[in-house]
Amino acid sequence: MSVEKAERLIKEEQVSRVEKPSREEAERAVQTLLRWAGDDPFRPGLINTPGRVVRAYEEYFRGYNEDPYELLGRTFDETEGYDEMIVLKDISFASHCEHHIAPIIGKAHVAYLPDTKVVGISKLARLVEVYGKRLQIQEKMTAQIANTLNAVLEPKGVAVVIEAAHECMTTRGVDKPGVNMVTSRMLGAFRSDGATRRELLAMIGNPLGS
């Protein structure tokens, strides 16, 4: 991948910075929602809820404060020629859908075929966390993880598979509990080489069912 293309991908992935309201404004917004729900935000059981919700949002959406490219900035090239598949599977995550701010609970499988660079395995889990701790749709999150790894490591191939349950459809709307959504993004050898793709899917339990 050219330097120019990598820089373009980085710019595309950067989150647009918006002017954040004050904590007091955020808490007042929660009070408004509580009133909209039909309750009294000043009764004893709810009086501290706005503050708790704002603190929870800081945790839920802390991914906006982290740069995924900087996270992967330290790579290693002393691998003694290792060129086989690197797979980190069953990475649990909790995200929130951008349509209803309802939880998305699932697990991610991340793999790559190194060329000259590798990265610490904990960074793969943290990369999932950075993108998961934002308002998301699963398809975009899958592509973001794969695109970032591909841009930084320039490997022979990248694969990301995500399995998740969306509470926006299991607890509301169509109300269908027990349903999981599976998404994948295959780049390089994982897209072009069927044997490599099948090897990966066998390692992670073949959630794609193919």
C-alpha atoms as a PDB file:
ATOM      1  CA  MET A   1       0.000   0.000   0.000  1.00  0.00           C
ATOM      2  CA  SER A   2       1.347   3.431  -0.895  1.00  0.00           C
ATOM      3  CA  VAL A   3       2.056   6.047   1.757  1.00  0.00           C
ATOM      4  CA  GLU A   4      -0.505   8.303   0.096  1.00  0.00           C
ATOM      5  CA  LYS A   5      -3.240   5.660   0.319  1.00  0.00           C
ATOM      6  CA  ALA A   6      -2.423   4.897   3.941  1.00  0.00           C
ATOM      7  CA  GLU A   7      -2.600   8.598   4.814  1.00  0.00           C
ATOM      8  CA  ARG A   8      -5.948   8.885   3.040  1.00  0.00           C
ATOM      9  CA  LEU A   9      -7.317   5.919   5.007  1.00  0.00           C
ATOM     10  CA  ILE A  10      -6.119   7.491   8.233  1.00  0.00           C
ATOM     11  CA  LYS A  11      -7.895  10.743   7.434  1.00  0.00           C
ATOM     12  CA  GLU A  12     -11.078   8.887   6.521  1.00  0.00           C
ATOM     13  CA  GLU A  13     -11.031   7.012   9.832  1.00  0.00           C
ATOM     14  CA  GLN A  14     -10.451  10.060  12.005  1.00  0.00           C
ATOM     15  CA  VAL A  15     -13.530  11.078  13.944  1.00  0.00           C
ATOM     16  CA  SER A  16     -14.902  14.517  13.253  1.00  0.00           C
ATOM     17  CA  ARG A  17     -14.396  16.615  16.357  1.00  0.00           C
ATOM     18  CA  VAL A  18     -17.502  18.353  17.614  1.00  0.00           C
ATOM     19  CA  GLU A  19     -17.826  20.853  20.408  1.00  0.00           C
ATOM     20  CA  LYS A  20     -18.798  18.863  23.483  1.00  0.00           C
ATOM     21  CA  PRO A  21     -21.390  20.261  25.869  1.00  0.00           C
ATOM     22  CA  SER A  22     -20.509  20.677  29.524  1.00  0.00           C
ATOM     23  CA  ARG A  23     -21.172  17.901  32.020  1.00  0.00           C
ATOM     24  CA  GLU A  24     -23.982  20.007  33.483  1.00  0.00           C
ATOM     25  CA  GLU A  25     -25.625  20.314  30.060  1.00  0.00           C
ATOM     26  CA  ALA A  26     -25.340  16.554  29.558  1.00  0.00           C
ATOM     27  CA  GLU A  27     -26.945  15.852  32.927  1.00  0.00           C
ATOM     28  CA  ARG A  28     -29.801  18.241  32.159  1.00  0.00           C
ATOM     29  CA  ALA A  29     -30.358  16.370  28.894  1.00  0.00           C
ATOM     30  CA  VAL A  30     -30.731  13.125  30.846  1.00  0.00           C
ATOM     31  CA  GLN A  31     -33.232  14.822  33.160  1.00  0.00           C
ATOM     32  CA  THR A  32     -35.234  15.841  30.089  1.00  0.00           C
ATOM     33  CA  LEU A  33     -35.284  12.238  28.839  1.00  0.00           C
ATOM     34  CA  LEU A  34     -36.441  11.001  32.242  1.00  0.00           C
ATOM     35  CA  ARG A  35     -39.308  13.476  32.151  1.00  0.00           C
ATOM     36  CA  TRP A  36     -40.080  12.390  28.572  1.00  0.00           C
ATOM     37  CA  ALA A  37     -40.286   8.785  29.826  1.00  0.00           C
ATOM     38  CA  GLY A  38     -42.923   9.938  32.306  1.00  0.00           C
ATOM     39  CA  ASP A  39     -40.991   9.987  35.563  1.00  0.00           C
ATOM     40  CA  ASP A  40     -39.790  12.623  38.000  1.00  0.00           C
ATOM     41  CA  PRO A  41     -36.004  13.081  37.745  1.00  0.00           C
ATOM     42  CA  PHE A  42     -35.969  14.703  41.192  1.00  0.00           C
ATOM     43  CA  ARG A  43     -37.500  11.817  43.136  1.00  0.00           C
ATOM     44  CA  PRO A  44     -35.039  10.040  45.476  1.00  0.00           C
ATOM     45  CA  GLY A  45     -34.473   7.017  43.237  1.00  0.00           C
ATOM     46  CA  LEU A  46     -33.596   9.150  40.195  1.00  0.00           C
ATOM     47  CA  ILE A  47     -31.949  12.221  41.689  1.00  0.00           C
ATOM     48  CA  ASN A  48     -28.429  10.914  40.995  1.00  0.00           C
ATOM     49  CA  THR A  49     -29.256   9.074  37.784  1.00  0.00           C
ATOM     50  CA  PRO A  50     -28.210  11.887  35.389  1.00  0.00           C
ATOM     51  CA  GLY A  51     -24.715  11.928  36.858  1.00  0.00           C
ATOM     52  CA  ARG A  52     -24.474   8.150  36.702  1.00  0.00           C
ATOM     53  CA  VAL A  53     -25.633   8.107  33.081  1.00  0.00           C
ATOM     54  CA  VAL A  54     -23.053  10.698  32.055  1.00  0.00           C
ATOM     55  CA  ARG A  55     -20.280   8.729  33.768  1.00  0.00           C
ATOM     56  CA  ALA A  56     -21.496   5.580  32.025  1.00  0.00           C
ATOM     57  CA  TYR A  57     -21.388   7.374  28.660  1.00  0.00           C
ATOM     58  CA  GLU A  58     -17.763   8.284  29.330  1.00  0.00           C
ATOM     59  CA  GLU A  59     -17.060   4.570  29.630  1.00  0.00           C
ATOM     60  CA  TYR A  60     -19.310   3.404  26.804  1.00  0.00           C
ATOM     61  CA  PHE A  61     -17.834   5.853  24.289  1.00  0.00           C
ATOM     62  CA  ARG A  62     -14.224   6.247  25.383  1.00  0.00           C
ATOM     63  CA  GLY A  63     -13.129   5.015  21.958  1.00  0.00           C
ATOM     64  CA  TYR A  64     -13.603   8.526  20.616  1.00  0.00           C
ATOM     65  CA  ASN A  65     -10.638   9.625  22.730  1.00  0.00           C
ATOM     66  CA  GLU A  66      -8.225   7.064  21.265  1.00  0.00           C
ATOM     67  CA  ASP A  67      -6.428   7.026  17.912  1.00  0.00           C
ATOM     68  CA  PRO A  68      -6.444   3.476  16.494  1.00  0.00           C
ATOM     69  CA  TYR A  69      -3.501   4.205  14.197  1.00  0.00           C
ATOM     70  CA  GLU A  70      -1.407   5.502  17.051  1.00  0.00           C
ATOM     71  CA  LEU A  71      -2.375   2.388  19.027  1.00  0.00           C
ATOM     72  CA  LEU A  72      -0.764   0.197  16.365  1.00  0.00           C
ATOM     73  CA  GLY A  73       2.209   2.509  15.962  1.00  0.00           C
ATOM     74  CA  ARG A  74       4.737   0.193  17.598  1.00  0.00           C
ATOM     75  CA  THR A  75       5.364  -2.810  15.367  1.00  0.00           C
ATOM     76  CA  PHE A  76       8.063  -5.492  15.348  1.00  0.00           C
ATOM     77  CA  ASP A  77      10.054  -6.821  12.412  1.00  0.00           C
ATOM     78  CA  GLU A  78      12.305  -9.350  14.182  1.00  0.00           C
ATOM     79  CA  THR A  79      10.150 -12.408  13.526  1.00  0.00           C
ATOM     80  CA  GLU A  80      12.783 -14.903  12.283  1.00  0.00           C
ATOM     81  CA  GLY A  81      10.877 -15.095   9.013  1.00  0.00           C
ATOM     82  CA  TYR A  82       7.537 -16.093  10.547  1.00  0.00           C
ATOM     83  CA  ASP A  83       4.951 -15.803   7.779  1.00  0.00           C
ATOM     84  CA  GLU A  84       2.052 -17.985   8.931  1.00  0.00           C
ATOM     85  CA  MET A  85      -1.382 -16.848  10.011  1.00  0.00           C
ATOM     86  CA  ILE A  86      -1.764 -14.891  13.252  1.00  0.00           C
ATOM     87  CA  VAL A  87      -5.245 -15.225  14.750  1.00  0.00           C
ATOM     88  CA  LEU A  88      -6.804 -13.748  17.879  1.00  0.00           C
ATOM     89  CA  LYS A  89     -10.282 -15.193  18.277  1.00  0.00           C
ATOM     90  CA  ASP A  90     -13.230 -14.712  20.607  1.00  0.00           C
ATOM     91  CA  ILE A  91     -12.413 -11.093  21.509  1.00  0.00           C
ATOM     92  CA  SER A  92     -15.466 -10.053  23.502  1.00  0.00           C
ATOM     93  CA  PHE A  93     -16.783  -6.512  23.101  1.00  0.00           C
ATOM     94  CA  ALA A  94     -19.736  -4.335  24.034  1.00  0.00           C
ATOM     95  CA  SER A  95     -20.729  -1.542  21.684  1.00  0.00           C
ATOM     96  CA  HIS A  96     -23.844   0.568  21.020  1.00  0.00           C
ATOM     97  CA  CYS A  97     -25.779   0.939  17.789  1.00  0.00           C
ATOM     98  CA  GLU A  98     -25.877   4.419  16.344  1.00  0.00           C
ATOM     99  CA  HIS A  99     -29.583   4.153  15.496  1.00  0.00           C
ATOM    100  CA  HIS A 100     -31.071   3.475  18.941  1.00  0.00           C
ATOM    101  CA  ILE A 101     -28.019   3.636  21.288  1.00  0.00           C
ATOM    102  CA  ALA A 102     -28.905   0.063  22.258  1.00  0.00           C
ATOM    103  CA  PRO A 103     -26.164  -2.413  23.209  1.00  0.00           C
ATOM    104  CA  ILE A 104     -24.380  -4.605  20.683  1.00  0.00           C
ATOM    105  CA  ILE A 105     -22.828  -7.557  22.508  1.00  0.00           C
ATOM    106  CA  GLY A 106     -20.533  -9.905  20.672  1.00  0.00           C
ATOM    107  CA  LYS A 107     -17.116 -11.251  19.853  1.00  0.00           C
ATOM    108  CA  ALA A 108     -14.593 -10.534  17.134  1.00  0.00           C
ATOM    109  CA  HIS A 109     -12.043 -12.740  15.410  1.00  0.00           C
ATOM    110  CA  VAL A 110      -9.040 -10.898  13.955  1.00  0.00           C
ATOM    111  CA  ALA A 111      -6.380 -12.467  11.735  1.00  0.00           C
ATOM    112  CA  TYR A 112      -3.555 -11.371   9.480  1.00  0.00           C
ATOM    113  CA  LEU A 113      -0.768 -12.870   7.383  1.00  0.00           C
ATOM    114  CA  PRO A 114       2.367 -10.868   8.193  1.00  0.00           C
ATOM    115  CA  ASP A 115       4.721  -9.625   5.543  1.00  0.00           C
ATOM    116  CA  THR A 116       7.490  -7.757   7.386  1.00  0.00           C
ATOM    117  CA  LYS A 117       5.722  -6.406  10.478  1.00  0.00           C
ATOM    118  CA  VAL A 118       3.806  -7.844  13.416  1.00  0.00           C
ATOM    119  CA  VAL A 119       2.106  -6.178  16.363  1.00  0.00           C
ATOM    120  CA  GLY A 120       1.600  -7.246  19.976  1.00  0.00           C
ATOM    121  CA  ILE A 121      -1.507  -9.390  20.315  1.00  0.00           C
ATOM    122  CA  SER A 122      -2.945  -7.189  23.057  1.00  0.00           C
ATOM    123  CA  LYS A 123      -3.063  -4.391  20.491  1.00  0.00           C
ATOM    124  CA  LEU A 124      -5.443  -6.442  18.364  1.00  0.00           C
ATOM    125  CA  ALA A 125      -7.855  -6.725  21.282  1.00  0.00           C
ATOM    126  CA  ARG A 126      -7.479  -3.025  22.042  1.00  0.00           C
ATOM    127  CA  LEU A 127      -8.180  -2.159  18.403  1.00  0.00           C
ATOM    128  CA  VAL A 128     -11.509  -3.973  18.659  1.00  0.00           C
ATOM    129  CA  GLU A 129     -12.170  -2.064  21.885  1.00  0.00           C
ATOM    130  CA  VAL A 130     -11.366   1.352  20.366  1.00  0.00           C
ATOM    131  CA  TYR A 131     -13.855   0.925  17.547  1.00  0.00           C
ATOM    132  CA  GLY A 132     -16.380  -0.885  19.737  1.00  0.00           C
ATOM    133  CA  LYS A 133     -16.471   1.957  22.253  1.00  0.00           C
ATOM    134  CA  ARG A 134     -18.127   4.254  19.726  1.00  0.00           C
ATOM    135  CA  LEU A 135     -21.592   4.512  18.263  1.00  0.00           C
ATOM    136  CA  GLN A 136     -21.519   1.850  15.593  1.00  0.00           C
ATOM    137  CA  ILE A 137     -23.123  -0.341  13.018  1.00  0.00           C
ATOM    138  CA  GLN A 138     -21.552  -3.778  12.883  1.00  0.00           C
ATOM    139  CA  GLU A 139     -20.695  -3.602   9.190  1.00  0.00           C
ATOM    140  CA  LYS A 140     -18.725  -0.382   9.641  1.00  0.00           C
ATOM    141  CA  MET A 141     -16.928  -1.627  12.743  1.00  0.00           C
ATOM    142  CA  THR A 142     -15.834  -4.770  10.875  1.00  0.00           C
ATOM    143  CA  ALA A 143     -14.425  -2.712   8.003  1.00  0.00           C
ATOM    144  CA  GLN A 144     -12.734  -0.185  10.291  1.00  0.00           C
ATOM    145  CA  ILE A 145     -10.776  -2.864  12.164  1.00  0.00           C
ATOM    146  CA  ALA A 146      -9.677  -4.572   8.949  1.00  0.00           C
ATOM    147  CA  ASN A 147      -8.798  -1.351   7.130  1.00  0.00           C
ATOM    148  CA  THR A 148      -6.719  -0.061  10.030  1.00  0.00           C
ATOM    149  CA  LEU A 149      -4.703  -3.275  10.326  1.00  0.00           C
ATOM    150  CA  ASN A 150      -4.179  -3.338   6.587  1.00  0.00           C
ATOM    151  CA  ALA A 151      -2.982   0.273   6.450  1.00  0.00           C
ATOM    152  CA  VAL A 152      -0.565   0.037   9.380  1.00  0.00           C
ATOM    153  CA  LEU A 153       0.911  -3.461   9.025  1.00  0.00           C
ATOM    154  CA  GLU A 154       0.755  -3.779   5.226  1.00  0.00           C
ATOM    155  CA  PRO A 155       0.360  -7.561   5.580  1.00  0.00           C
ATOM    156  CA  LYS A 156      -0.294 -10.200   2.952  1.00  0.00           C
ATOM    157  CA  GLY A 157      -3.850 -10.462   4.158  1.00  0.00           C
ATOM    158  CA  VAL A 158      -6.307  -9.354   6.863  1.00  0.00           C
ATOM    159  CA  ALA A 159      -9.522 -10.967   8.023  1.00  0.00           C
ATOM    160  CA  VAL A 160     -12.066  -9.743  10.558  1.00  0.00           C
ATOM    161  CA  VAL A 161     -15.203 -11.677  11.494  1.00  0.00           C
ATOM    162  CA  ILE A 162     -17.684 -10.345  14.045  1.00  0.00           C
ATOM    163  CA  GLU A 163     -20.621 -12.163  15.648  1.00  0.00           C
ATOM    164  CA  ALA A 164     -22.985 -10.053  17.736  1.00  0.00           C
ATOM    165  CA  ALA A 165     -26.470  -9.710  19.178  1.00  0.00           C
ATOM    166  CA  HIS A 166     -28.210  -6.356  18.715  1.00  0.00           C
ATOM    167  CA  GLU A 167     -30.565  -5.340  21.476  1.00  0.00           C
ATOM    168  CA  CYS A 168     -32.250  -2.860  19.161  1.00  0.00           C
ATOM    169  CA  MET A 169     -33.908  -5.930  17.608  1.00  0.00           C
ATOM    170  CA  THR A 170     -33.909  -8.371  20.551  1.00  0.00           C
ATOM    171  CA  THR A 171     -35.600  -6.115  23.139  1.00  0.00           C
ATOM    172  CA  ARG A 172     -37.601  -3.776  20.893  1.00  0.00           C
ATOM    173  CA  GLY A 173     -38.841  -3.518  17.310  1.00  0.00           C
ATOM    174  CA  VAL A 174     -39.167  -7.024  15.883  1.00  0.00           C
ATOM    175  CA  ASP A 175     -38.371  -8.411  19.368  1.00  0.00           C
ATOM    176  CA  LYS A 176     -36.445 -11.519  18.274  1.00  0.00           C
ATOM    177  CA  PRO A 177     -34.090 -12.662  21.064  1.00  0.00           C
ATOM    178  CA  GLY A 178     -31.376 -15.199  20.352  1.00  0.00           C
ATOM    179  CA  VAL A 179     -30.501 -13.798  16.920  1.00  0.00           C
ATOM    180  CA  ASN A 180     -26.851 -13.136  16.062  1.00  0.00           C
ATOM    181  CA  MET A 181     -25.526 -11.116  13.144  1.00  0.00           C
ATOM    182  CA  VAL A 182     -22.280 -12.213  11.463  1.00  0.00           C
ATOM    183  CA  THR A 183     -20.159  -9.864   9.345  1.00  0.00           C
ATOM    184  CA  SER A 184     -16.751 -10.304   7.750  1.00  0.00           C
ATOM    185  CA  ARG A 185     -14.131  -8.390   5.823  1.00  0.00           C
ATOM    186  CA  MET A 186     -11.428 -10.290   3.955  1.00  0.00           C
ATOM    187  CA  LEU A 187      -8.485  -8.518   2.366  1.00  0.00           C
ATOM    188  CA  GLY A 188      -5.463  -9.757   0.423  1.00  0.00           C
ATOM    189  CA  ALA A 189      -4.812 -13.508   0.643  1.00  0.00           C
ATOM    190  CA  PHE A 190      -7.938 -14.103   2.737  1.00  0.00           C
ATOM    191  CA  ARG A 191     -10.031 -12.776  -0.148  1.00  0.00           C
ATOM    192  CA  SER A 192      -8.105 -14.226  -3.085  1.00  0.00           C
ATOM    193  CA  ASP A 193      -7.023 -17.621  -1.704  1.00  0.00           C
ATOM    194  CA  GLY A 194      -9.868 -19.962  -0.849  1.00  0.00           C
ATOM    195  CA  ALA A 195      -7.636 -22.402   1.046  1.00  0.00           C
ATOM    196  CA  THR A 196      -6.331 -19.630   3.320  1.00  0.00           C
ATOM    197  CA  ARG A 197      -9.848 -18.418   3.988  1.00  0.00           C
ATOM    198  CA  ARG A 198     -11.093 -21.932   4.768  1.00  0.00           C
ATOM    199  CA  GLU A 199      -8.170 -22.511   7.154  1.00  0.00           C
ATOM    200  CA  LEU A 200      -9.076 -19.376   9.074  1.00  0.00           C
ATOM    201  CA  LEU A 201     -12.784 -20.205   9.224  1.00  0.00           C
ATOM    202  CA  ALA A 202     -12.010 -23.682  10.531  1.00  0.00           C
ATOM    203  CA  MET A 203      -9.854 -22.150  13.283  1.00  0.00           C
ATOM    204  CA  ILE A 204     -12.607 -19.825  14.481  1.00  0.00           C
ATOM    205  CA  GLY A 205     -15.473 -22.311  14.224  1.00  0.00           C
ATOM    206  CA  ASN A 206     -16.766 -21.206  10.812  1.00  0.00           C
ATOM    207  CA  PRO A 207     -19.387 -18.655  11.918  1.00  0.00           C
ATOM    208  CA  LEU A 208     -20.016 -17.773   8.254  1.00  0.00           C
ATOM    209  CA  GLY A 209     -21.369 -21.270   7.620  1.00  0.00           C
ATOM    210  CA  SER A 210     -19.636 -21.677   4.277  1.00  0.00           C
END
